[in-house]
Amino acid sequence: YAESKQHLWLQRLSSVVFLGTPHVGAPLEQWGHWAE
């Protein structure tokens, strides 16, 4: 959304570290969906 709104803070951002981020989904919620 910073790119789409042309926010300036994104130009100051140099690094991002992800810790255990479910970028393509979390199986626990997927299993809960099928249990439902």
PDB file of all heavy atoms in Angstrom:
ATOM      1  N   TYR A   1       0.825  -1.208   0.000  1.00  0.00           N
ATOM      2  CA  TYR A   1       0.000   0.000   0.000  1.00  0.00           C
ATOM      3  C   TYR A   1       0.863   1.264   0.000  1.00  0.00           C
ATOM      4  O   TYR A   1       0.441   2.310  -0.512  1.00  0.00           O
ATOM      5  CB  TYR A   1      -0.975  -0.026   1.174  1.00  0.00           C
ATOM      6  CG  TYR A   1      -2.098  -1.009   0.926  1.00  0.00           C
ATOM      7  CD1 TYR A   1      -2.148  -2.229   1.593  1.00  0.00           C
ATOM      8  CD2 TYR A   1      -3.083  -0.732  -0.022  1.00  0.00           C
ATOM      9  CE1 TYR A   1      -3.161  -3.147   1.335  1.00  0.00           C
ATOM     10  CE2 TYR A   1      -4.098  -1.639  -0.282  1.00  0.00           C
ATOM     11  CZ  TYR A   1      -4.132  -2.848   0.390  1.00  0.00           C
ATOM     12  OH  TYR A   1      -5.116  -3.754   0.112  1.00  0.00           O
ATOM     13  N   ALA A   2       2.083   1.184   0.545  1.00  0.00           N
ATOM     14  CA  ALA A   2       2.988   2.325   0.479  1.00  0.00           C
ATOM     15  C   ALA A   2       3.369   2.626  -0.965  1.00  0.00           C
ATOM     16  O   ALA A   2       3.460   3.796  -1.371  1.00  0.00           O
ATOM     17  CB  ALA A   2       4.242   2.055   1.309  1.00  0.00           C
ATOM     18  N   GLU A   3       3.591   1.556  -1.757  1.00  0.00           N
ATOM     19  CA  GLU A   3       3.899   1.757  -3.177  1.00  0.00           C
ATOM     20  C   GLU A   3       2.715   2.378  -3.907  1.00  0.00           C
ATOM     21  O   GLU A   3       2.883   3.301  -4.710  1.00  0.00           O
ATOM     22  CB  GLU A   3       4.286   0.427  -3.825  1.00  0.00           C
ATOM     23  CG  GLU A   3       5.691  -0.027  -3.494  1.00  0.00           C
ATOM     24  CD  GLU A   3       6.140  -1.187  -4.358  1.00  0.00           C
ATOM     25  OE1 GLU A   3       5.362  -2.153  -4.512  1.00  0.00           O
ATOM     26  OE2 GLU A   3       7.275  -1.137  -4.881  1.00  0.00           O
ATOM     27  N   SER A   4       1.519   1.881  -3.618  1.00  0.00           N
ATOM     28  CA  SER A   4       0.335   2.387  -4.331  1.00  0.00           C
ATOM     29  C   SER A   4       0.004   3.821  -3.933  1.00  0.00           C
ATOM     30  O   SER A   4      -0.520   4.590  -4.740  1.00  0.00           O
ATOM     31  CB  SER A   4      -0.870   1.473  -4.072  1.00  0.00           C
ATOM     32  OG  SER A   4      -1.250   1.505  -2.715  1.00  0.00           O
ATOM     33  N   LYS A   5       0.318   4.193  -2.675  1.00  0.00           N
ATOM     34  CA  LYS A   5       0.037   5.557  -2.202  1.00  0.00           C
ATOM     35  C   LYS A   5       1.253   6.468  -2.326  1.00  0.00           C
ATOM     36  O   LYS A   5       1.186   7.638  -1.952  1.00  0.00           O
ATOM     37  CB  LYS A   5      -0.408   5.519  -0.731  1.00  0.00           C
ATOM     38  CG  LYS A   5      -1.704   4.769  -0.482  1.00  0.00           C
ATOM     39  CD  LYS A   5      -2.012   4.735   1.021  1.00  0.00           C
ATOM     40  CE  LYS A   5      -3.274   3.956   1.320  1.00  0.00           C
ATOM     41  NZ  LYS A   5      -3.560   3.913   2.780  1.00  0.00           N
ATOM     42  N   GLN A   6       2.365   5.926  -2.833  1.00  0.00           N
ATOM     43  CA  GLN A   6       3.618   6.672  -2.978  1.00  0.00           C
ATOM     44  C   GLN A   6       4.079   7.271  -1.643  1.00  0.00           C
ATOM     45  O   GLN A   6       4.482   8.439  -1.554  1.00  0.00           O
ATOM     46  CB  GLN A   6       3.475   7.768  -4.035  1.00  0.00           C
ATOM     47  CG  GLN A   6       3.189   7.207  -5.429  1.00  0.00           C
ATOM     48  CD  GLN A   6       3.130   8.283  -6.495  1.00  0.00           C
ATOM     49  OE1 GLN A   6       2.737   9.415  -6.236  1.00  0.00           O
ATOM     50  NE2 GLN A   6       3.526   7.928  -7.694  1.00  0.00           N
ATOM     51  N   HIS A   7       3.993   6.468  -0.595  1.00  0.00           N
ATOM     52  CA  HIS A   7       4.463   6.903   0.712  1.00  0.00           C
ATOM     53  C   HIS A   7       5.996   6.979   0.742  1.00  0.00           C
ATOM     54  O   HIS A   7       6.686   6.088   0.232  1.00  0.00           O
ATOM     55  CB  HIS A   7       3.971   5.934   1.791  1.00  0.00           C
ATOM     56  CG  HIS A   7       2.552   6.176   2.209  1.00  0.00           C
ATOM     57  ND1 HIS A   7       1.866   5.356   3.073  1.00  0.00           N
ATOM     58  CD2 HIS A   7       1.681   7.173   1.893  1.00  0.00           C
ATOM     59  CE1 HIS A   7       0.649   5.816   3.271  1.00  0.00           C
ATOM     60  NE2 HIS A   7       0.508   6.923   2.566  1.00  0.00           N
ATOM     61  N   LEU A   8       6.496   7.996   1.387  1.00  0.00           N
ATOM     62  CA  LEU A   8       7.936   8.242   1.403  1.00  0.00           C
ATOM     63  C   LEU A   8       8.690   7.289   2.327  1.00  0.00           C
ATOM     64  O   LEU A   8       9.892   7.074   2.148  1.00  0.00           O
ATOM     65  CB  LEU A   8       8.210   9.694   1.823  1.00  0.00           C
ATOM     66  CG  LEU A   8       7.712  10.777   0.854  1.00  0.00           C
ATOM     67  CD1 LEU A   8       7.994  12.161   1.423  1.00  0.00           C
ATOM     68  CD2 LEU A   8       8.377  10.616  -0.510  1.00  0.00           C
ATOM     69  N   TRP A   9       7.997   6.727   3.330  1.00  0.00           N
ATOM     70  CA  TRP A   9       8.723   5.881   4.279  1.00  0.00           C
ATOM     71  C   TRP A   9       9.352   4.669   3.592  1.00  0.00           C
ATOM     72  O   TRP A   9      10.388   4.170   4.032  1.00  0.00           O
ATOM     73  CB  TRP A   9       7.814   5.433   5.422  1.00  0.00           C
ATOM     74  CG  TRP A   9       6.743   4.431   5.065  1.00  0.00           C
ATOM     75  CD1 TRP A   9       5.440   4.707   4.792  1.00  0.00           C
ATOM     76  CD2 TRP A   9       6.885   3.010   4.980  1.00  0.00           C
ATOM     77  NE1 TRP A   9       4.756   3.548   4.520  1.00  0.00           N
ATOM     78  CE2 TRP A   9       5.616   2.483   4.642  1.00  0.00           C
ATOM     79  CE3 TRP A   9       7.934   2.118   5.146  1.00  0.00           C
ATOM     80  CZ2 TRP A   9       5.385   1.120   4.463  1.00  0.00           C
ATOM     81  CZ3 TRP A   9       7.716   0.762   4.973  1.00  0.00           C
ATOM     82  CH2 TRP A   9       6.453   0.276   4.641  1.00  0.00           C
ATOM     83  N   LEU A  10       8.742   4.207   2.509  1.00  0.00           N
ATOM     84  CA  LEU A  10       9.267   3.037   1.817  1.00  0.00           C
ATOM     85  C   LEU A  10      10.655   3.322   1.231  1.00  0.00           C
ATOM     86  O   LEU A  10      11.481   2.411   1.123  1.00  0.00           O
ATOM     87  CB  LEU A  10       8.294   2.596   0.725  1.00  0.00           C
ATOM     88  CG  LEU A  10       8.547   1.224   0.106  1.00  0.00           C
ATOM     89  CD1 LEU A  10       8.560   0.121   1.155  1.00  0.00           C
ATOM     90  CD2 LEU A  10       7.491   0.911  -0.963  1.00  0.00           C
ATOM     91  N   GLN A  11      10.901   4.585   0.889  1.00  0.00           N
ATOM     92  CA  GLN A  11      12.227   4.953   0.381  1.00  0.00           C
ATOM     93  C   GLN A  11      13.290   4.920   1.486  1.00  0.00           C
ATOM     94  O   GLN A  11      14.481   4.806   1.203  1.00  0.00           O
ATOM     95  CB  GLN A  11      12.178   6.355  -0.230  1.00  0.00           C
ATOM     96  CG  GLN A  11      11.223   6.480  -1.409  1.00  0.00           C
ATOM     97  CD  GLN A  11      11.106   7.906  -1.908  1.00  0.00           C
ATOM     98  OE1 GLN A  11      11.973   8.742  -1.629  1.00  0.00           O
ATOM     99  NE2 GLN A  11      10.035   8.199  -2.638  1.00  0.00           N
ATOM    100  N   ARG A  12      12.848   5.009   2.732  1.00  0.00           N
ATOM    101  CA  ARG A  12      13.780   4.955   3.871  1.00  0.00           C
ATOM    102  C   ARG A  12      14.001   3.528   4.350  1.00  0.00           C
ATOM    103  O   ARG A  12      14.931   3.276   5.121  1.00  0.00           O
ATOM    104  CB  ARG A  12      13.236   5.783   5.044  1.00  0.00           C
ATOM    105  CG  ARG A  12      12.766   7.179   4.671  1.00  0.00           C
ATOM    106  CD  ARG A  12      13.898   8.148   4.501  1.00  0.00           C
ATOM    107  NE  ARG A  12      13.387   9.512   4.368  1.00  0.00           N
ATOM    108  CZ  ARG A  12      13.135  10.116   3.220  1.00  0.00           C
ATOM    109  NH1 ARG A  12      13.349   9.470   2.077  1.00  0.00           N
ATOM    110  NH2 ARG A  12      12.674  11.351   3.188  1.00  0.00           N
ATOM    111  N   LEU A  13      13.173   2.604   3.907  1.00  0.00           N
ATOM    112  CA  LEU A  13      13.255   1.217   4.369  1.00  0.00           C
ATOM    113  C   LEU A  13      14.427   0.518   3.688  1.00  0.00           C
ATOM    114  O   LEU A  13      14.504   0.461   2.464  1.00  0.00           O
ATOM    115  CB  LEU A  13      11.946   0.478   4.054  1.00  0.00           C
ATOM    116  CG  LEU A  13      11.856  -0.976   4.521  1.00  0.00           C
ATOM    117  CD1 LEU A  13      11.893  -1.075   6.042  1.00  0.00           C
ATOM    118  CD2 LEU A  13      10.578  -1.633   3.980  1.00  0.00           C
ATOM    119  N   SER A  14      15.330  -0.037   4.503  1.00  0.00           N
ATOM    120  CA  SER A  14      16.503  -0.705   3.932  1.00  0.00           C
ATOM    121  C   SER A  14      16.435  -2.217   4.079  1.00  0.00           C
ATOM    122  O   SER A  14      16.899  -2.942   3.186  1.00  0.00           O
ATOM    123  CB  SER A  14      17.782  -0.192   4.596  1.00  0.00           C
ATOM    124  OG  SER A  14      17.773  -0.448   5.993  1.00  0.00           O
ATOM    125  N   SER A  15      15.847  -2.716   5.190  1.00  0.00           N
ATOM    126  CA  SER A  15      15.872  -4.164   5.446  1.00  0.00           C
ATOM    127  C   SER A  15      14.617  -4.607   6.178  1.00  0.00           C
ATOM    128  O   SER A  15      14.062  -3.869   6.999  1.00  0.00           O
ATOM    129  CB  SER A  15      17.092  -4.542   6.300  1.00  0.00           C
ATOM    130  OG  SER A  15      18.293  -4.054   5.747  1.00  0.00           O
ATOM    131  N   VAL A  16      14.201  -5.846   5.878  1.00  0.00           N
ATOM    132  CA  VAL A  16      13.094  -6.495   6.590  1.00  0.00           C
ATOM    133  C   VAL A  16      13.504  -7.928   6.889  1.00  0.00           C
ATOM    134  O   VAL A  16      13.987  -8.638   6.000  1.00  0.00           O
ATOM    135  CB  VAL A  16      11.792  -6.496   5.761  1.00  0.00           C
ATOM    136  CG1 VAL A  16      10.695  -7.285   6.499  1.00  0.00           C
ATOM    137  CG2 VAL A  16      11.311  -5.070   5.479  1.00  0.00           C
ATOM    138  N   VAL A  17      13.324  -8.350   8.142  1.00  0.00           N
ATOM    139  CA  VAL A  17      13.586  -9.735   8.530  1.00  0.00           C
ATOM    140  C   VAL A  17      12.260 -10.381   8.933  1.00  0.00           C
ATOM    141  O   VAL A  17      11.572  -9.888   9.828  1.00  0.00           O
ATOM    142  CB  VAL A  17      14.577  -9.827   9.699  1.00  0.00           C
ATOM    143  CG1 VAL A  17      14.831 -11.294  10.069  1.00  0.00           C
ATOM    144  CG2 VAL A  17      15.896  -9.136   9.354  1.00  0.00           C
ATOM    145  N   PHE A  18      11.897 -11.463   8.243  1.00  0.00           N
ATOM    146  CA  PHE A  18      10.696 -12.222   8.563  1.00  0.00           C
ATOM    147  C   PHE A  18      11.066 -13.386   9.487  1.00  0.00           C
ATOM    148  O   PHE A  18      12.001 -14.140   9.202  1.00  0.00           O
ATOM    149  CB  PHE A  18      10.054 -12.805   7.297  1.00  0.00           C
ATOM    150  CG  PHE A  18       9.603 -11.788   6.287  1.00  0.00           C
ATOM    151  CD1 PHE A  18      10.139 -11.772   5.005  1.00  0.00           C
ATOM    152  CD2 PHE A  18       8.626 -10.854   6.605  1.00  0.00           C
ATOM    153  CE1 PHE A  18       9.723 -10.851   4.062  1.00  0.00           C
ATOM    154  CE2 PHE A  18       8.198  -9.919   5.663  1.00  0.00           C
ATOM    155  CZ  PHE A  18       8.742  -9.923   4.385  1.00  0.00           C
ATOM    156  N   LEU A  19      10.309 -13.560  10.558  1.00  0.00           N
ATOM    157  CA  LEU A  19      10.507 -14.688  11.470  1.00  0.00           C
ATOM    158  C   LEU A  19       9.268 -15.575  11.443  1.00  0.00           C
ATOM    159  O   LEU A  19       8.219 -15.207  11.972  1.00  0.00           O
ATOM    160  CB  LEU A  19      10.744 -14.194  12.906  1.00  0.00           C
ATOM    161  CG  LEU A  19      11.855 -13.173  13.140  1.00  0.00           C
ATOM    162  CD1 LEU A  19      11.900 -12.778  14.612  1.00  0.00           C
ATOM    163  CD2 LEU A  19      13.194 -13.724  12.705  1.00  0.00           C
ATOM    164  N   GLY A  20       9.359 -16.727  10.797  1.00  0.00           N
ATOM    165  CA  GLY A  20       8.236 -17.663  10.775  1.00  0.00           C
ATOM    166  C   GLY A  20       6.962 -17.073  10.208  1.00  0.00           C
ATOM    167  O   GLY A  20       5.868 -17.332  10.733  1.00  0.00           O
ATOM    168  N   THR A  21       7.068 -16.311   9.136  1.00  0.00           N
ATOM    169  CA  THR A  21       5.885 -15.696   8.511  1.00  0.00           C
ATOM    170  C   THR A  21       5.246 -16.653   7.511  1.00  0.00           C
ATOM    171  O   THR A  21       5.928 -17.152   6.612  1.00  0.00           O
ATOM    172  CB  THR A  21       6.279 -14.389   7.800  1.00  0.00           C
ATOM    173  OG1 THR A  21       6.699 -13.432   8.766  1.00  0.00           O
ATOM    174  CG2 THR A  21       5.100 -13.823   7.011  1.00  0.00           C
ATOM    175  N   PRO A  22       3.927 -16.910   7.616  1.00  0.00           N
ATOM    176  CA  PRO A  22       3.250 -17.838   6.690  1.00  0.00           C
ATOM    177  C   PRO A  22       2.896 -17.153   5.368  1.00  0.00           C
ATOM    178  O   PRO A  22       1.727 -16.873   5.097  1.00  0.00           O
ATOM    179  CB  PRO A  22       2.001 -18.253   7.469  1.00  0.00           C
ATOM    180  CG  PRO A  22       1.685 -17.062   8.320  1.00  0.00           C
ATOM    181  CD  PRO A  22       3.019 -16.443   8.690  1.00  0.00           C
ATOM    182  N   HIS A  23       3.892 -16.919   4.534  1.00  0.00           N
ATOM    183  CA  HIS A  23       3.694 -16.145   3.304  1.00  0.00           C
ATOM    184  C   HIS A  23       2.686 -16.796   2.359  1.00  0.00           C
ATOM    185  O   HIS A  23       1.975 -16.106   1.635  1.00  0.00           O
ATOM    186  CB  HIS A  23       5.026 -15.950   2.577  1.00  0.00           C
ATOM    187  CG  HIS A  23       5.993 -15.088   3.314  1.00  0.00           C
ATOM    188  ND1 HIS A  23       5.804 -13.736   3.489  1.00  0.00           N
ATOM    189  CD2 HIS A  23       7.173 -15.379   3.937  1.00  0.00           C
ATOM    190  CE1 HIS A  23       6.816 -13.228   4.176  1.00  0.00           C
ATOM    191  NE2 HIS A  23       7.664 -14.198   4.458  1.00  0.00           N
ATOM    192  N   VAL A  24       2.655 -18.115   2.317  1.00  0.00           N
ATOM    193  CA  VAL A  24       1.703 -18.795   1.427  1.00  0.00           C
ATOM    194  C   VAL A  24       0.650 -19.557   2.225  1.00  0.00           C
ATOM    195  O   VAL A  24       0.000 -20.457   1.715  1.00  0.00           O
ATOM    196  CB  VAL A  24       2.422 -19.736   0.434  1.00  0.00           C
ATOM    197  CG1 VAL A  24       3.290 -18.935  -0.511  1.00  0.00           C
ATOM    198  CG2 VAL A  24       3.253 -20.789   1.138  1.00  0.00           C
ATOM    199  N   GLY A  25       0.467 -19.177   3.486  1.00  0.00           N
ATOM    200  CA  GLY A  25      -0.616 -19.753   4.272  1.00  0.00           C
ATOM    201  C   GLY A  25      -0.149 -20.582   5.452  1.00  0.00           C
ATOM    202  O   GLY A  25       0.984 -21.043   5.505  1.00  0.00           O
ATOM    203  N   ALA A  26      -1.079 -20.727   6.416  1.00  0.00           N
ATOM    204  CA  ALA A  26      -0.815 -21.497   7.630  1.00  0.00           C
ATOM    205  C   ALA A  26      -1.696 -22.741   7.633  1.00  0.00           C
ATOM    206  O   ALA A  26      -2.924 -22.631   7.626  1.00  0.00           O
ATOM    207  CB  ALA A  26      -1.100 -20.645   8.869  1.00  0.00           C
ATOM    208  N   PRO A  27      -1.119 -23.931   7.647  1.00  0.00           N
ATOM    209  CA  PRO A  27      -1.904 -25.165   7.606  1.00  0.00           C
ATOM    210  C   PRO A  27      -2.907 -25.290   8.740  1.00  0.00           C
ATOM    211  O   PRO A  27      -3.972 -25.868   8.554  1.00  0.00           O
ATOM    212  CB  PRO A  27      -0.838 -26.263   7.704  1.00  0.00           C
ATOM    213  CG  PRO A  27       0.395 -25.640   7.158  1.00  0.00           C
ATOM    214  CD  PRO A  27       0.329 -24.199   7.577  1.00  0.00           C
ATOM    215  N   LEU A  28      -2.602 -24.734   9.919  1.00  0.00           N
ATOM    216  CA  LEU A  28      -3.522 -24.866  11.043  1.00  0.00           C
ATOM    217  C   LEU A  28      -4.878 -24.260  10.717  1.00  0.00           C
ATOM    218  O   LEU A  28      -5.921 -24.840  11.002  1.00  0.00           O
ATOM    219  CB  LEU A  28      -2.923 -24.203  12.288  1.00  0.00           C
ATOM    220  CG  LEU A  28      -3.693 -24.423  13.598  1.00  0.00           C
ATOM    221  CD1 LEU A  28      -3.735 -25.907  13.949  1.00  0.00           C
ATOM    222  CD2 LEU A  28      -3.057 -23.627  14.732  1.00  0.00           C
ATOM    223  N   GLU A  29      -4.883 -23.070  10.093  1.00  0.00           N
ATOM    224  CA  GLU A  29      -6.146 -22.450   9.698  1.00  0.00           C
ATOM    225  C   GLU A  29      -6.782 -23.214   8.546  1.00  0.00           C
ATOM    226  O   GLU A  29      -8.006 -23.355   8.472  1.00  0.00           O
ATOM    227  CB  GLU A  29      -5.922 -20.983   9.306  1.00  0.00           C
ATOM    228  CG  GLU A  29      -7.075 -20.326   8.550  1.00  0.00           C
ATOM    229  CD  GLU A  29      -8.421 -20.385   9.261  1.00  0.00           C
ATOM    230  OE1 GLU A  29      -8.463 -20.599  10.476  1.00  0.00           O
ATOM    231  OE2 GLU A  29      -9.459 -20.220   8.575  1.00  0.00           O
ATOM    232  N   GLN A  30      -5.974 -23.762   7.638  1.00  0.00           N
ATOM    233  CA  GLN A  30      -6.533 -24.563   6.546  1.00  0.00           C
ATOM    234  C   GLN A  30      -7.196 -25.823   7.080  1.00  0.00           C
ATOM    235  O   GLN A  30      -8.295 -26.202   6.653  1.00  0.00           O
ATOM    236  CB  GLN A  30      -5.411 -24.917   5.564  1.00  0.00           C
ATOM    237  CG  GLN A  30      -4.843 -23.707   4.836  1.00  0.00           C
ATOM    238  CD  GLN A  30      -3.519 -23.997   4.150  1.00  0.00           C
ATOM    239  OE1 GLN A  30      -3.100 -25.140   4.048  1.00  0.00           O
ATOM    240  NE2 GLN A  30      -2.848 -22.949   3.695  1.00  0.00           N
ATOM    241  N   TRP A  31      -6.576 -26.477   8.067  1.00  0.00           N
ATOM    242  CA  TRP A  31      -7.177 -27.670   8.668  1.00  0.00           C
ATOM    243  C   TRP A  31      -8.456 -27.310   9.415  1.00  0.00           C
ATOM    244  O   TRP A  31      -9.436 -28.040   9.381  1.00  0.00           O
ATOM    245  CB  TRP A  31      -6.185 -28.333   9.624  1.00  0.00           C
ATOM    246  CG  TRP A  31      -4.951 -28.844   8.954  1.00  0.00           C
ATOM    247  CD1 TRP A  31      -4.805 -29.204   7.636  1.00  0.00           C
ATOM    248  CD2 TRP A  31      -3.655 -29.032   9.549  1.00  0.00           C
ATOM    249  NE1 TRP A  31      -3.506 -29.585   7.377  1.00  0.00           N
ATOM    250  CE2 TRP A  31      -2.791 -29.500   8.518  1.00  0.00           C
ATOM    251  CE3 TRP A  31      -3.153 -28.849  10.825  1.00  0.00           C
ATOM    252  CZ2 TRP A  31      -1.445 -29.790   8.766  1.00  0.00           C
ATOM    253  CZ3 TRP A  31      -1.816 -29.131  11.068  1.00  0.00           C
ATOM    254  CH2 TRP A  31      -0.975 -29.598  10.051  1.00  0.00           C
ATOM    255  N   GLY A  32      -8.430 -26.167  10.112  1.00  0.00           N
ATOM    256  CA  GLY A  32      -9.630 -25.725  10.815  1.00  0.00           C
ATOM    257  C   GLY A  32     -10.779 -25.475   9.861  1.00  0.00           C
ATOM    258  O   GLY A  32     -11.937 -25.779  10.165  1.00  0.00           O
ATOM    259  N   HIS A  33     -10.462 -24.955   8.679  1.00  0.00           N
ATOM    260  CA  HIS A  33     -11.482 -24.688   7.668  1.00  0.00           C
ATOM    261  C   HIS A  33     -12.122 -25.994   7.198  1.00  0.00           C
ATOM    262  O   HIS A  33     -13.351 -26.095   7.082  1.00  0.00           O
ATOM    263  CB  HIS A  33     -10.826 -23.956   6.490  1.00  0.00           C
ATOM    264  CG  HIS A  33     -11.767 -23.605   5.389  1.00  0.00           C
ATOM    265  ND1 HIS A  33     -12.848 -22.778   5.571  1.00  0.00           N
ATOM    266  CD2 HIS A  33     -11.791 -23.965   4.078  1.00  0.00           C
ATOM    267  CE1 HIS A  33     -13.490 -22.645   4.415  1.00  0.00           C
ATOM    268  NE2 HIS A  33     -12.869 -23.351   3.500  1.00  0.00           N
ATOM    269  N   TRP A  34     -11.304 -27.023   6.965  1.00  0.00           N
ATOM    270  CA  TRP A  34     -11.860 -28.302   6.527  1.00  0.00           C
ATOM    271  C   TRP A  34     -12.573 -29.032   7.655  1.00  0.00           C
ATOM    272  O   TRP A  34     -13.549 -29.747   7.429  1.00  0.00           O
ATOM    273  CB  TRP A  34     -10.749 -29.173   5.928  1.00  0.00           C
ATOM    274  CG  TRP A  34     -10.408 -28.704   4.548  1.00  0.00           C
ATOM    275  CD1 TRP A  34      -9.302 -28.024   4.150  1.00  0.00           C
ATOM    276  CD2 TRP A  34     -11.236 -28.826   3.375  1.00  0.00           C
ATOM    277  NE1 TRP A  34      -9.368 -27.718   2.809  1.00  0.00           N
ATOM    278  CE2 TRP A  34     -10.545 -28.195   2.303  1.00  0.00           C
ATOM    279  CE3 TRP A  34     -12.478 -29.390   3.132  1.00  0.00           C
ATOM    280  CZ2 TRP A  34     -11.058 -28.130   1.021  1.00  0.00           C
ATOM    281  CZ3 TRP A  34     -12.992 -29.320   1.838  1.00  0.00           C
ATOM    282  CH2 TRP A  34     -12.290 -28.698   0.801  1.00  0.00           C
ATOM    283  N   ALA A  35     -12.108 -28.848   8.898  1.00  0.00           N
ATOM    284  CA  ALA A  35     -12.819 -29.434  10.037  1.00  0.00           C
ATOM    285  C   ALA A  35     -14.220 -28.842  10.139  1.00  0.00           C
ATOM    286  O   ALA A  35     -15.196 -29.551  10.414  1.00  0.00           O
ATOM    287  CB  ALA A  35     -12.032 -29.187  11.328  1.00  0.00           C
ATOM    288  N   GLU A  36     -14.322 -27.545   9.892  1.00  0.00           N
ATOM    289  CA  GLU A  36     -15.627 -26.887   9.890  1.00  0.00           C
ATOM    290  C   GLU A  36     -16.525 -27.486   8.809  1.00  0.00           C
ATOM    291  O   GLU A  36     -17.716 -27.743   9.026  1.00  0.00           O
ATOM    292  CB  GLU A  36     -15.428 -25.392   9.647  1.00  0.00           C
ATOM    293  CG  GLU A  36     -16.704 -24.597   9.462  1.00  0.00           C
ATOM    294  CD  GLU A  36     -16.420 -23.238   8.862  1.00  0.00           C
ATOM    295  OE1 GLU A  36     -15.348 -22.675   9.120  1.00  0.00           O
ATOM    296  OE2 GLU A  36     -17.287 -22.745   8.122  1.00  0.00           O
TER     297      GLU A  36
END
